[in-house]
């Protein structure tokens, strides 16, 4: 990156907006993961918006459950879920409290701490692949269910936080259908990414599961 990223933390007011405003505005921001192992900083390059009760693709579409309860809480908190019995994914809750919506963090460029991420992502041939996809991002940053509900606006001691970073120019932001979302949620162009960035994951359309006869 040609210019130094802004180190100012994002406030709760940043996240307390409609999800379709927050999602593209997260591009270029710096996600910080702090643990005993050290500090990892990642520039967000790809995200997806999920709009709760009006969005069939959202975990919160059918209401509140034990799994998605964090999405109904204050904005700025992390919603972490476990999927396919193997992977974790990291989301940031946004919008007013009680209206479940969130942004899935799909991909990013690790700026600091790649040496910590590489042992967790042994299949990555290059550093640009370390966080190329939502499960890979969570794995690289050592994000698990123990971080579900983390307040990213809680100051420098929080294990997850987001800094202002360097947002891309508007003409470099692209949008399109969300990866792997089918049904009524498929047409929504709610995936946002930085154009031509090598860390952005490939788009894959939803493939319906075949029922066993």
N, C-alpha and C. Protein backbone atom coordinates (compact mmCIF):
# COMPACT_ATOMS: atom_id res chain seq x y z
N UNK A 1 0.85 -1.19 0.00
CA UNK A 1 0.00 0.00 0.00
C UNK A 1 0.89 1.24 0.00
N UNK A 2 0.49 2.26 -0.74
CA UNK A 2 1.33 3.42 -0.92
C UNK A 2 1.26 4.39 0.24
N UNK A 3 0.15 4.46 0.93
CA UNK A 3 0.02 5.40 2.04
C UNK A 3 -0.20 4.66 3.34
N UNK A 4 0.24 5.30 4.43
CA UNK A 4 0.12 4.67 5.74
C UNK A 4 -1.35 4.65 6.17
N UNK A 5 -1.82 3.51 6.69
CA UNK A 5 -3.22 3.44 7.12
C UNK A 5 -3.47 4.26 8.37
N UNK A 6 -4.68 4.78 8.47
CA UNK A 6 -5.10 5.55 9.64
C UNK A 6 -5.26 4.59 10.82
N UNK A 7 -4.65 4.92 11.96
CA UNK A 7 -4.67 4.05 13.13
C UNK A 7 -5.84 4.35 14.07
N UNK A 8 -6.74 5.23 13.69
CA UNK A 8 -7.86 5.60 14.54
C UNK A 8 -8.88 4.45 14.61
N UNK A 9 -9.29 4.00 15.82
CA UNK A 9 -10.28 2.93 15.92
C UNK A 9 -11.66 3.38 15.42
N UNK A 10 -12.36 2.49 14.78
CA UNK A 10 -13.74 2.78 14.39
C UNK A 10 -14.62 2.78 15.63
N UNK A 11 -15.53 3.74 15.72
CA UNK A 11 -16.43 3.86 16.87
C UNK A 11 -17.70 3.05 16.65
N UNK A 12 -18.49 2.92 17.69
CA UNK A 12 -19.76 2.19 17.58
C UNK A 12 -20.70 2.87 16.60
N UNK A 13 -20.59 4.20 16.50
CA UNK A 13 -21.46 4.93 15.57
C UNK A 13 -21.21 4.48 14.13
N UNK A 14 -19.99 4.08 13.81
CA UNK A 14 -19.69 3.59 12.47
C UNK A 14 -20.56 2.38 12.14
N UNK A 15 -20.69 1.47 13.11
CA UNK A 15 -21.45 0.24 12.89
C UNK A 15 -22.95 0.43 13.07
N UNK A 16 -23.36 1.49 13.73
CA UNK A 16 -24.78 1.75 14.00
C UNK A 16 -25.44 2.44 12.81
N UNK A 17 -25.35 1.79 11.66
CA UNK A 17 -25.93 2.27 10.41
C UNK A 17 -26.49 1.09 9.64
N UNK A 18 -27.28 1.33 8.60
CA UNK A 18 -27.80 0.22 7.80
C UNK A 18 -26.67 -0.63 7.23
N UNK A 19 -26.91 -1.93 7.17
CA UNK A 19 -25.86 -2.87 6.77
C UNK A 19 -25.32 -2.59 5.37
N UNK A 20 -26.17 -2.09 4.47
CA UNK A 20 -25.71 -1.83 3.11
C UNK A 20 -24.87 -0.55 3.02
N UNK A 21 -24.83 0.22 4.09
CA UNK A 21 -23.88 1.34 4.17
C UNK A 21 -22.57 0.87 4.80
N UNK A 22 -22.70 0.06 5.84
CA UNK A 22 -21.51 -0.37 6.57
C UNK A 22 -20.64 -1.30 5.73
N UNK A 23 -21.27 -2.25 5.04
CA UNK A 23 -20.50 -3.29 4.35
C UNK A 23 -19.46 -2.72 3.38
N UNK A 24 -19.84 -1.91 2.38
CA UNK A 24 -18.81 -1.41 1.47
C UNK A 24 -17.84 -0.45 2.15
N UNK A 25 -18.30 0.18 3.23
CA UNK A 25 -17.44 1.12 3.96
C UNK A 25 -16.39 0.41 4.79
N UNK A 26 -16.51 -0.90 4.97
CA UNK A 26 -15.50 -1.68 5.69
C UNK A 26 -14.28 -2.00 4.82
N UNK A 27 -14.44 -1.89 3.51
CA UNK A 27 -13.31 -2.20 2.63
C UNK A 27 -12.16 -1.23 2.88
N UNK A 28 -10.97 -1.78 2.99
CA UNK A 28 -9.79 -0.98 3.25
C UNK A 28 -9.54 -0.71 4.73
N UNK A 29 -10.48 -1.08 5.58
CA UNK A 29 -10.29 -0.90 7.02
C UNK A 29 -9.33 -1.98 7.54
N UNK A 30 -8.74 -1.73 8.69
CA UNK A 30 -7.76 -2.65 9.26
C UNK A 30 -8.35 -3.43 10.42
N UNK A 31 -8.52 -4.73 10.23
CA UNK A 31 -8.98 -5.62 11.28
C UNK A 31 -7.76 -6.06 12.10
N UNK A 32 -7.86 -5.92 13.42
CA UNK A 32 -6.74 -6.26 14.30
C UNK A 32 -7.12 -7.42 15.20
N UNK A 33 -6.30 -8.46 15.19
CA UNK A 33 -6.48 -9.62 16.08
C UNK A 33 -5.31 -9.64 17.05
N UNK A 34 -5.61 -9.50 18.34
CA UNK A 34 -4.58 -9.49 19.37
C UNK A 34 -4.74 -10.71 20.27
N UNK A 35 -3.67 -11.43 20.47
CA UNK A 35 -3.69 -12.62 21.32
C UNK A 35 -2.35 -12.77 22.01
N UNK A 36 -2.20 -13.82 22.81
CA UNK A 36 -0.92 -14.08 23.45
C UNK A 36 0.18 -14.34 22.43
N UNK A 37 -0.20 -14.83 21.28
CA UNK A 37 0.78 -15.12 20.23
C UNK A 37 1.31 -13.85 19.58
N UNK A 38 0.59 -12.74 19.72
CA UNK A 38 1.03 -11.50 19.11
C UNK A 38 -0.14 -10.76 18.45
N UNK A 39 0.18 -9.96 17.48
CA UNK A 39 -0.79 -9.09 16.83
C UNK A 39 -0.79 -9.33 15.32
N UNK A 40 -1.99 -9.46 14.76
CA UNK A 40 -2.14 -9.59 13.32
C UNK A 40 -3.02 -8.43 12.84
N UNK A 41 -2.59 -7.78 11.78
CA UNK A 41 -3.38 -6.71 11.18
C UNK A 41 -3.70 -7.08 9.74
N UNK A 42 -4.97 -6.93 9.37
CA UNK A 42 -5.44 -7.37 8.07
C UNK A 42 -6.25 -6.26 7.41
N UNK A 43 -5.94 -5.96 6.17
CA UNK A 43 -6.71 -4.98 5.39
C UNK A 43 -7.88 -5.70 4.72
N UNK A 44 -9.09 -5.30 5.02
CA UNK A 44 -10.27 -5.97 4.48
C UNK A 44 -10.44 -5.64 3.00
N UNK A 45 -10.59 -6.69 2.19
CA UNK A 45 -10.73 -6.50 0.74
C UNK A 45 -12.03 -7.06 0.17
N UNK A 46 -12.77 -7.84 0.97
CA UNK A 46 -14.01 -8.44 0.47
C UNK A 46 -14.94 -8.72 1.65
N UNK A 47 -16.21 -8.32 1.49
CA UNK A 47 -17.21 -8.51 2.55
C UNK A 47 -18.56 -8.84 1.91
N UNK A 48 -19.49 -9.32 2.74
CA UNK A 48 -20.87 -9.54 2.31
C UNK A 48 -21.82 -9.03 3.36
N UNK A 49 -22.91 -8.41 2.92
CA UNK A 49 -23.93 -7.89 3.83
C UNK A 49 -25.07 -8.89 3.99
N UNK A 50 -25.56 -9.01 5.23
CA UNK A 50 -26.71 -9.87 5.55
C UNK A 50 -27.69 -9.06 6.39
N UNK A 51 -28.93 -8.96 5.89
CA UNK A 51 -29.87 -7.97 6.41
C UNK A 51 -30.98 -8.54 7.28
N UNK A 52 -30.71 -9.59 8.02
CA UNK A 52 -31.63 -10.07 9.05
C UNK A 52 -33.00 -10.47 8.55
N UNK A 53 -34.03 -9.87 9.14
CA UNK A 53 -35.41 -10.30 8.92
C UNK A 53 -35.90 -10.14 7.49
N UNK A 54 -35.26 -9.28 6.69
CA UNK A 54 -35.70 -9.08 5.30
C UNK A 54 -34.82 -9.85 4.32
N UNK A 55 -33.93 -10.68 4.83
CA UNK A 55 -32.93 -11.33 3.99
C UNK A 55 -32.96 -12.84 4.19
N UNK A 56 -33.50 -13.60 3.21
CA UNK A 56 -33.55 -15.06 3.34
C UNK A 56 -32.17 -15.71 3.49
N UNK A 57 -31.12 -15.01 3.10
CA UNK A 57 -29.78 -15.56 3.23
C UNK A 57 -29.16 -15.39 4.60
N UNK A 58 -29.83 -14.64 5.46
CA UNK A 58 -29.28 -14.34 6.78
C UNK A 58 -29.62 -15.41 7.81
N UNK A 59 -28.70 -15.64 8.74
CA UNK A 59 -28.97 -16.56 9.85
C UNK A 59 -30.12 -16.08 10.72
N UNK A 60 -30.41 -14.77 10.68
CA UNK A 60 -31.45 -14.19 11.55
C UNK A 60 -32.79 -14.05 10.84
N UNK A 61 -32.92 -14.59 9.64
CA UNK A 61 -34.14 -14.41 8.86
C UNK A 61 -35.38 -14.94 9.57
N UNK A 62 -35.23 -16.05 10.27
CA UNK A 62 -36.38 -16.67 10.94
C UNK A 62 -36.46 -16.32 12.43
N UNK A 63 -35.70 -15.33 12.85
CA UNK A 63 -35.81 -14.88 14.23
C UNK A 63 -34.61 -15.25 15.08
N UNK A 64 -34.72 -14.90 16.33
CA UNK A 64 -33.61 -15.06 17.27
C UNK A 64 -33.49 -16.51 17.75
N UNK A 65 -32.26 -16.99 17.80
CA UNK A 65 -31.95 -18.31 18.33
C UNK A 65 -30.72 -18.18 19.22
N UNK A 66 -30.37 -19.27 19.89
CA UNK A 66 -29.17 -19.24 20.72
C UNK A 66 -27.93 -19.00 19.86
N UNK A 67 -27.95 -19.53 18.63
CA UNK A 67 -26.79 -19.39 17.76
C UNK A 67 -26.59 -17.95 17.29
N UNK A 68 -27.68 -17.27 16.91
CA UNK A 68 -27.54 -15.95 16.28
C UNK A 68 -27.81 -14.78 17.21
N UNK A 69 -27.94 -15.03 18.51
CA UNK A 69 -28.35 -13.99 19.47
C UNK A 69 -27.48 -12.74 19.41
N UNK A 70 -26.18 -12.92 19.16
CA UNK A 70 -25.27 -11.76 19.12
C UNK A 70 -25.68 -10.78 18.03
N UNK A 71 -26.28 -11.26 16.94
CA UNK A 71 -26.68 -10.38 15.85
C UNK A 71 -27.75 -9.39 16.27
N UNK A 72 -28.49 -9.71 17.32
CA UNK A 72 -29.56 -8.82 17.79
C UNK A 72 -29.05 -7.82 18.84
N UNK A 73 -27.79 -7.94 19.20
CA UNK A 73 -27.23 -7.10 20.25
C UNK A 73 -26.68 -5.80 19.72
N UNK A 74 -25.87 -5.12 20.50
CA UNK A 74 -25.33 -3.82 20.09
C UNK A 74 -24.45 -3.94 18.85
N UNK A 75 -24.43 -2.91 18.02
CA UNK A 75 -23.53 -2.92 16.86
C UNK A 75 -22.07 -2.87 17.29
N UNK A 76 -21.23 -3.37 16.40
CA UNK A 76 -19.79 -3.37 16.68
C UNK A 76 -19.28 -4.63 17.34
N UNK A 77 -20.18 -5.59 17.60
CA UNK A 77 -19.76 -6.85 18.20
C UNK A 77 -19.48 -7.89 17.12
N UNK A 78 -18.67 -8.88 17.46
CA UNK A 78 -18.32 -9.94 16.53
C UNK A 78 -19.33 -11.09 16.64
N UNK A 79 -19.81 -11.55 15.52
CA UNK A 79 -20.65 -12.74 15.46
C UNK A 79 -19.84 -13.83 14.77
N UNK A 80 -19.48 -14.85 15.53
CA UNK A 80 -18.68 -15.96 15.01
C UNK A 80 -19.55 -17.21 14.97
N UNK A 81 -19.54 -17.91 13.85
CA UNK A 81 -20.29 -19.17 13.78
C UNK A 81 -19.42 -20.27 13.20
N UNK A 82 -19.83 -21.50 13.48
CA UNK A 82 -19.14 -22.71 13.04
C UNK A 82 -19.96 -23.33 11.92
N UNK A 83 -19.32 -23.71 10.83
CA UNK A 83 -20.06 -24.20 9.67
C UNK A 83 -19.44 -25.46 9.09
N UNK A 84 -20.26 -26.33 8.52
CA UNK A 84 -19.83 -27.56 7.89
C UNK A 84 -19.02 -28.46 8.82
N UNK A 85 -19.16 -28.25 10.12
CA UNK A 85 -18.45 -29.06 11.08
C UNK A 85 -16.95 -28.91 11.05
N UNK A 86 -16.46 -27.84 10.38
CA UNK A 86 -15.01 -27.68 10.21
C UNK A 86 -14.51 -26.26 10.40
N UNK A 87 -15.31 -25.27 9.97
CA UNK A 87 -14.77 -23.93 9.81
C UNK A 87 -15.52 -22.89 10.65
N UNK A 88 -14.78 -21.86 11.03
CA UNK A 88 -15.40 -20.70 11.66
C UNK A 88 -15.46 -19.56 10.65
N UNK A 89 -16.44 -18.66 10.84
CA UNK A 89 -16.55 -17.46 10.02
C UNK A 89 -16.80 -16.27 10.95
N UNK A 90 -16.28 -15.12 10.56
CA UNK A 90 -16.34 -13.92 11.39
C UNK A 90 -17.19 -12.84 10.74
N UNK A 91 -18.14 -12.32 11.50
CA UNK A 91 -19.02 -11.24 11.05
C UNK A 91 -18.94 -10.08 12.03
N UNK A 92 -19.29 -8.88 11.56
CA UNK A 92 -19.40 -7.71 12.42
C UNK A 92 -20.85 -7.25 12.42
N UNK A 93 -21.44 -7.16 13.62
CA UNK A 93 -22.84 -6.77 13.77
C UNK A 93 -22.98 -5.27 13.51
N UNK A 94 -24.05 -4.89 12.82
CA UNK A 94 -24.27 -3.48 12.56
C UNK A 94 -25.76 -3.17 12.62
N UNK A 95 -26.10 -1.88 12.49
CA UNK A 95 -27.48 -1.45 12.60
C UNK A 95 -27.90 -1.30 14.05
N UNK A 96 -29.09 -0.77 14.30
CA UNK A 96 -29.56 -0.56 15.67
C UNK A 96 -29.78 -1.86 16.42
N UNK A 97 -29.60 -1.81 17.73
CA UNK A 97 -29.79 -2.99 18.56
C UNK A 97 -31.21 -3.51 18.41
N UNK A 98 -31.35 -4.82 18.29
CA UNK A 98 -32.65 -5.44 18.11
C UNK A 98 -32.99 -5.75 16.67
N UNK A 99 -32.26 -5.14 15.73
CA UNK A 99 -32.47 -5.39 14.30
C UNK A 99 -31.24 -6.13 13.78
N UNK A 100 -31.35 -7.43 13.70
CA UNK A 100 -30.19 -8.27 13.40
C UNK A 100 -29.69 -8.08 11.98
N UNK A 101 -28.50 -7.58 11.84
CA UNK A 101 -27.83 -7.53 10.55
C UNK A 101 -26.34 -7.58 10.80
N UNK A 102 -25.60 -8.01 9.80
CA UNK A 102 -24.16 -8.14 9.99
C UNK A 102 -23.42 -8.24 8.68
N UNK A 103 -22.11 -8.09 8.77
CA UNK A 103 -21.25 -8.14 7.60
C UNK A 103 -20.27 -9.30 7.76
N UNK A 104 -20.32 -10.23 6.82
CA UNK A 104 -19.38 -11.34 6.80
C UNK A 104 -18.05 -10.85 6.23
N UNK A 105 -16.97 -11.09 6.95
CA UNK A 105 -15.64 -10.70 6.48
C UNK A 105 -15.10 -11.84 5.62
N UNK A 106 -15.02 -11.61 4.32
CA UNK A 106 -14.71 -12.70 3.39
C UNK A 106 -13.23 -12.83 3.06
N UNK A 107 -12.51 -11.72 3.01
CA UNK A 107 -11.11 -11.83 2.60
C UNK A 107 -10.33 -10.58 2.99
N UNK A 108 -9.01 -10.73 3.02
CA UNK A 108 -8.18 -9.58 3.34
C UNK A 108 -6.70 -9.85 3.11
N UNK A 109 -5.93 -8.78 3.19
CA UNK A 109 -4.48 -8.83 3.03
C UNK A 109 -3.84 -8.66 4.41
N UNK A 110 -3.04 -9.62 4.83
CA UNK A 110 -2.37 -9.51 6.12
C UNK A 110 -1.19 -8.56 5.99
N UNK A 111 -1.24 -7.48 6.74
CA UNK A 111 -0.21 -6.44 6.71
C UNK A 111 0.86 -6.68 7.77
N UNK A 112 0.42 -7.19 8.92
CA UNK A 112 1.32 -7.43 10.06
C UNK A 112 0.99 -8.79 10.63
N UNK A 113 2.00 -9.59 10.94
CA UNK A 113 1.77 -10.86 11.61
C UNK A 113 1.59 -12.06 10.71
N UNK A 114 2.01 -11.96 9.45
CA UNK A 114 1.87 -13.11 8.54
C UNK A 114 2.60 -14.34 9.06
N UNK A 115 3.67 -14.12 9.80
CA UNK A 115 4.44 -15.25 10.35
C UNK A 115 3.61 -16.06 11.34
N UNK A 116 2.61 -15.43 11.98
CA UNK A 116 1.71 -16.16 12.86
C UNK A 116 0.67 -16.94 12.07
N UNK A 117 0.24 -16.38 10.96
CA UNK A 117 -0.83 -16.99 10.17
C UNK A 117 -0.35 -18.18 9.34
N UNK A 118 0.87 -18.14 8.87
CA UNK A 118 1.34 -19.19 7.95
C UNK A 118 1.24 -20.61 8.52
N UNK A 119 1.61 -20.86 9.80
CA UNK A 119 1.48 -22.22 10.32
C UNK A 119 0.03 -22.70 10.40
N UNK A 120 -0.91 -21.77 10.46
CA UNK A 120 -2.33 -22.15 10.50
C UNK A 120 -2.90 -22.39 9.11
N UNK A 121 -2.18 -21.91 8.10
CA UNK A 121 -2.67 -22.00 6.72
C UNK A 121 -1.58 -22.63 5.84
N UNK A 122 -1.23 -23.87 6.17
CA UNK A 122 -0.13 -24.54 5.47
C UNK A 122 -0.42 -24.79 3.99
N UNK A 123 -1.70 -24.78 3.61
CA UNK A 123 -2.04 -25.02 2.21
C UNK A 123 -1.87 -23.76 1.35
N UNK A 124 -1.69 -22.61 1.99
CA UNK A 124 -1.51 -21.36 1.24
C UNK A 124 -0.12 -21.32 0.61
N UNK A 125 -0.05 -21.19 -0.70
CA UNK A 125 1.24 -21.15 -1.38
C UNK A 125 1.90 -19.78 -1.26
N UNK A 126 1.07 -18.74 -1.20
CA UNK A 126 1.57 -17.37 -1.12
C UNK A 126 0.82 -16.63 -0.01
N UNK A 127 1.41 -15.55 0.48
CA UNK A 127 0.77 -14.79 1.55
C UNK A 127 -0.56 -14.20 1.11
N UNK A 128 -0.73 -13.92 -0.18
CA UNK A 128 -2.00 -13.36 -0.64
C UNK A 128 -3.16 -14.35 -0.49
N UNK A 129 -2.83 -15.63 -0.25
CA UNK A 129 -3.86 -16.66 -0.08
C UNK A 129 -4.18 -16.95 1.38
N UNK A 130 -3.46 -16.33 2.31
CA UNK A 130 -3.63 -16.65 3.73
C UNK A 130 -5.05 -16.40 4.22
N UNK A 131 -5.68 -15.33 3.75
CA UNK A 131 -7.03 -14.96 4.22
C UNK A 131 -7.96 -14.76 3.04
N UNK A 132 -7.83 -15.60 2.03
CA UNK A 132 -8.60 -15.49 0.78
C UNK A 132 -9.84 -16.37 0.86
N UNK A 133 -10.85 -15.87 1.57
CA UNK A 133 -12.07 -16.62 1.82
C UNK A 133 -12.42 -16.52 3.30
N UNK A 134 -13.70 -16.58 3.66
CA UNK A 134 -14.10 -16.33 5.05
C UNK A 134 -13.56 -17.34 6.06
N UNK A 135 -13.56 -18.63 5.72
CA UNK A 135 -13.02 -19.63 6.64
C UNK A 135 -11.51 -19.50 6.75
N UNK A 136 -10.85 -19.18 5.65
CA UNK A 136 -9.40 -19.00 5.67
C UNK A 136 -9.02 -17.77 6.50
N UNK A 137 -9.81 -16.71 6.37
CA UNK A 137 -9.57 -15.50 7.16
C UNK A 137 -9.65 -15.82 8.65
N UNK A 138 -10.71 -16.51 9.05
CA UNK A 138 -10.88 -16.84 10.46
C UNK A 138 -9.77 -17.76 10.96
N UNK A 139 -9.38 -18.71 10.12
CA UNK A 139 -8.31 -19.63 10.50
C UNK A 139 -6.98 -18.90 10.65
N UNK A 140 -6.66 -18.03 9.70
CA UNK A 140 -5.41 -17.29 9.74
C UNK A 140 -5.30 -16.42 10.98
N UNK A 141 -6.44 -15.88 11.41
CA UNK A 141 -6.46 -14.97 12.56
C UNK A 141 -6.77 -15.69 13.87
N UNK A 142 -6.88 -17.03 13.81
CA UNK A 142 -7.19 -17.82 15.00
C UNK A 142 -8.49 -17.34 15.66
N UNK A 143 -9.53 -17.25 14.84
CA UNK A 143 -10.86 -16.85 15.32
C UNK A 143 -11.70 -18.10 15.51
N UNK A 144 -12.24 -18.27 16.72
CA UNK A 144 -13.09 -19.42 17.05
C UNK A 144 -14.30 -18.93 17.82
N UNK A 145 -15.16 -19.87 18.23
CA UNK A 145 -16.41 -19.50 18.92
C UNK A 145 -16.17 -18.75 20.22
N UNK A 146 -14.98 -18.90 20.80
CA UNK A 146 -14.68 -18.18 22.04
C UNK A 146 -14.70 -16.67 21.84
N UNK A 147 -14.60 -16.20 20.60
CA UNK A 147 -14.63 -14.76 20.31
C UNK A 147 -16.02 -14.28 19.93
N UNK A 148 -17.00 -15.17 19.90
CA UNK A 148 -18.37 -14.76 19.61
C UNK A 148 -18.85 -13.77 20.67
N UNK A 149 -19.35 -12.63 20.22
CA UNK A 149 -19.82 -11.60 21.15
C UNK A 149 -18.77 -10.58 21.53
N UNK A 150 -17.54 -10.72 21.05
CA UNK A 150 -16.48 -9.76 21.37
C UNK A 150 -16.86 -8.36 20.90
N UNK A 151 -16.66 -7.37 21.76
CA UNK A 151 -16.94 -5.98 21.42
C UNK A 151 -15.70 -5.38 20.75
N UNK A 152 -15.78 -5.14 19.45
CA UNK A 152 -14.62 -4.60 18.73
C UNK A 152 -14.39 -3.12 19.03
N UNK A 153 -15.33 -2.50 19.73
CA UNK A 153 -15.20 -1.08 20.08
C UNK A 153 -14.76 -0.91 21.53
N UNK A 154 -14.25 -1.96 22.13
CA UNK A 154 -13.93 -1.97 23.56
C UNK A 154 -12.53 -1.46 23.88
N UNK A 155 -11.84 -0.94 22.89
CA UNK A 155 -10.52 -0.38 23.16
C UNK A 155 -9.39 -1.31 22.79
N UNK A 156 -8.15 -0.89 23.05
CA UNK A 156 -6.98 -1.65 22.60
C UNK A 156 -6.81 -3.02 23.25
N UNK A 157 -7.48 -3.26 24.36
CA UNK A 157 -7.35 -4.55 25.03
C UNK A 157 -8.27 -5.62 24.43
N UNK A 158 -9.16 -5.22 23.52
CA UNK A 158 -10.07 -6.19 22.91
C UNK A 158 -9.29 -7.12 21.98
N UNK A 159 -9.61 -8.42 21.96
CA UNK A 159 -8.92 -9.34 21.05
C UNK A 159 -9.22 -9.08 19.58
N UNK A 160 -10.30 -8.34 19.31
CA UNK A 160 -10.66 -7.95 17.95
C UNK A 160 -11.00 -6.47 17.94
N UNK A 161 -10.46 -5.74 17.00
CA UNK A 161 -10.80 -4.32 16.84
C UNK A 161 -10.64 -3.95 15.38
N UNK A 162 -11.17 -2.79 15.01
CA UNK A 162 -11.10 -2.34 13.62
C UNK A 162 -10.62 -0.90 13.59
N UNK A 163 -9.57 -0.65 12.80
CA UNK A 163 -9.02 0.69 12.65
C UNK A 163 -9.48 1.30 11.33
N UNK A 164 -9.39 2.62 11.25
CA UNK A 164 -9.88 3.35 10.08
C UNK A 164 -9.23 2.88 8.79
N UNK A 165 -7.93 2.59 8.82
CA UNK A 165 -7.27 2.08 7.63
C UNK A 165 -7.24 3.09 6.49
N UNK A 166 -7.27 2.56 5.26
CA UNK A 166 -7.27 3.41 4.06
C UNK A 166 -8.33 2.91 3.10
N UNK A 167 -9.54 3.43 3.15
CA UNK A 167 -10.59 2.98 2.23
C UNK A 167 -10.21 3.24 0.77
N UNK A 168 -10.61 2.37 -0.13
CA UNK A 168 -10.29 2.56 -1.55
C UNK A 168 -11.15 3.66 -2.16
N UNK A 169 -10.71 4.24 -3.28
CA UNK A 169 -11.57 5.19 -4.00
C UNK A 169 -12.87 4.50 -4.42
N UNK A 170 -13.98 5.24 -4.48
CA UNK A 170 -15.27 4.62 -4.84
C UNK A 170 -15.25 3.87 -6.16
N UNK A 171 -14.44 4.33 -7.12
CA UNK A 171 -14.45 3.66 -8.42
C UNK A 171 -13.70 2.33 -8.40
N UNK A 172 -13.10 1.97 -7.25
CA UNK A 172 -12.44 0.67 -7.13
C UNK A 172 -13.29 -0.35 -6.38
N UNK A 173 -14.47 0.06 -5.93
CA UNK A 173 -15.36 -0.84 -5.19
C UNK A 173 -16.34 -1.50 -6.16
N UNK A 174 -16.41 -2.80 -6.13
CA UNK A 174 -17.32 -3.56 -6.97
C UNK A 174 -18.36 -4.27 -6.11
N UNK A 175 -19.48 -4.64 -6.71
CA UNK A 175 -20.52 -5.38 -6.00
C UNK A 175 -21.11 -6.43 -6.92
N UNK A 176 -21.65 -7.49 -6.30
CA UNK A 176 -22.27 -8.55 -7.07
C UNK A 176 -22.97 -9.52 -6.14
N UNK A 177 -23.51 -10.62 -6.67
CA UNK A 177 -24.22 -11.60 -5.84
C UNK A 177 -23.31 -12.20 -4.78
N UNK A 178 -23.91 -12.58 -3.67
CA UNK A 178 -23.15 -13.20 -2.59
C UNK A 178 -22.78 -14.64 -2.95
N UNK A 179 -21.64 -15.05 -2.46
CA UNK A 179 -21.13 -16.39 -2.76
C UNK A 179 -21.95 -17.47 -2.07
N UNK A 180 -22.41 -18.45 -2.84
CA UNK A 180 -23.07 -19.61 -2.27
C UNK A 180 -24.47 -19.39 -1.73
N UNK A 181 -25.06 -18.22 -1.97
CA UNK A 181 -26.41 -17.93 -1.46
C UNK A 181 -27.43 -18.27 -2.54
N UNK A 182 -28.41 -19.10 -2.18
CA UNK A 182 -29.44 -19.50 -3.13
C UNK A 182 -30.80 -18.95 -2.76
N UNK A 183 -31.84 -19.43 -3.44
CA UNK A 183 -33.21 -19.04 -3.14
C UNK A 183 -33.47 -17.56 -3.39
N UNK A 184 -34.38 -16.99 -2.59
CA UNK A 184 -34.77 -15.60 -2.79
C UNK A 184 -33.64 -14.62 -2.48
N UNK A 185 -32.63 -15.07 -1.73
CA UNK A 185 -31.51 -14.18 -1.40
C UNK A 185 -30.44 -14.13 -2.47
N UNK A 186 -30.52 -15.00 -3.47
CA UNK A 186 -29.45 -15.10 -4.47
C UNK A 186 -29.24 -13.84 -5.30
N UNK A 187 -30.31 -13.14 -5.73
CA UNK A 187 -30.08 -12.01 -6.63
C UNK A 187 -29.46 -10.77 -5.99
N UNK A 188 -29.48 -10.69 -4.66
CA UNK A 188 -29.01 -9.46 -4.02
C UNK A 188 -27.52 -9.21 -4.32
N UNK A 189 -27.16 -8.06 -4.85
CA UNK A 189 -25.74 -7.75 -5.12
C UNK A 189 -25.06 -7.21 -3.86
N UNK A 190 -25.02 -8.01 -2.81
CA UNK A 190 -24.57 -7.56 -1.50
C UNK A 190 -23.20 -8.08 -1.13
N UNK A 191 -22.46 -8.52 -2.11
CA UNK A 191 -21.04 -8.83 -1.92
C UNK A 191 -20.24 -7.65 -2.45
N UNK A 192 -19.29 -7.17 -1.68
CA UNK A 192 -18.51 -5.99 -2.06
C UNK A 192 -17.03 -6.34 -1.99
N UNK A 193 -16.25 -5.87 -2.96
CA UNK A 193 -14.83 -6.17 -2.96
C UNK A 193 -14.05 -5.05 -3.65
N UNK A 194 -12.74 -5.03 -3.40
CA UNK A 194 -11.85 -4.07 -4.04
C UNK A 194 -11.42 -4.66 -5.38
N UNK A 195 -11.66 -3.93 -6.44
CA UNK A 195 -11.41 -4.41 -7.79
C UNK A 195 -9.94 -4.79 -7.99
N UNK A 196 -9.73 -5.95 -8.60
CA UNK A 196 -8.40 -6.45 -8.98
C UNK A 196 -7.47 -6.72 -7.80
N UNK A 197 -7.99 -6.80 -6.60
CA UNK A 197 -7.13 -7.12 -5.47
C UNK A 197 -6.88 -8.63 -5.45
N UNK A 198 -5.62 -9.05 -5.36
CA UNK A 198 -5.30 -10.48 -5.45
C UNK A 198 -5.76 -11.32 -4.26
N UNK A 199 -6.18 -10.67 -3.18
CA UNK A 199 -6.62 -11.45 -2.01
C UNK A 199 -8.12 -11.76 -2.04
N UNK A 200 -8.85 -11.17 -2.98
CA UNK A 200 -10.30 -11.41 -3.06
C UNK A 200 -10.57 -12.84 -3.50
N UNK A 201 -11.55 -13.48 -2.87
CA UNK A 201 -11.85 -14.89 -3.17
C UNK A 201 -12.66 -15.01 -4.46
N UNK A 202 -12.58 -16.15 -5.14
CA UNK A 202 -13.37 -16.35 -6.36
C UNK A 202 -14.84 -16.50 -6.05
N UNK A 203 -15.68 -15.97 -6.94
CA UNK A 203 -17.13 -16.10 -6.75
C UNK A 203 -17.58 -17.51 -7.12
N UNK A 204 -18.44 -18.06 -6.26
CA UNK A 204 -19.03 -19.37 -6.55
C UNK A 204 -20.53 -19.28 -6.33
N UNK A 205 -21.30 -19.62 -7.35
CA UNK A 205 -22.75 -19.59 -7.24
C UNK A 205 -23.23 -20.72 -6.33
N UNK A 206 -24.45 -20.57 -5.83
CA UNK A 206 -25.05 -21.59 -4.98
C UNK A 206 -25.30 -22.86 -5.78
N UNK A 207 -24.97 -24.00 -5.20
CA UNK A 207 -25.24 -25.30 -5.82
C UNK A 207 -26.18 -26.07 -4.90
N UNK A 208 -27.44 -26.29 -5.33
CA UNK A 208 -28.40 -27.00 -4.47
C UNK A 208 -27.90 -28.39 -4.11
N UNK A 209 -28.14 -28.80 -2.87
CA UNK A 209 -27.75 -30.15 -2.45
C UNK A 209 -28.72 -31.17 -3.01
N UNK A 210 -28.17 -32.26 -3.49
CA UNK A 210 -29.01 -33.32 -4.04
C UNK A 210 -29.48 -34.21 -2.89
N UNK A 211 -30.74 -34.53 -2.92
CA UNK A 211 -31.29 -35.43 -1.90
C UNK A 211 -30.96 -36.88 -2.23
N UNK A 212 -30.57 -37.63 -1.24
CA UNK A 212 -30.28 -39.03 -1.45
C UNK A 212 -31.58 -39.81 -1.64
N UNK A 213 -31.71 -40.59 -2.72
CA UNK A 213 -32.94 -41.35 -2.96
C UNK A 213 -33.25 -42.29 -1.82
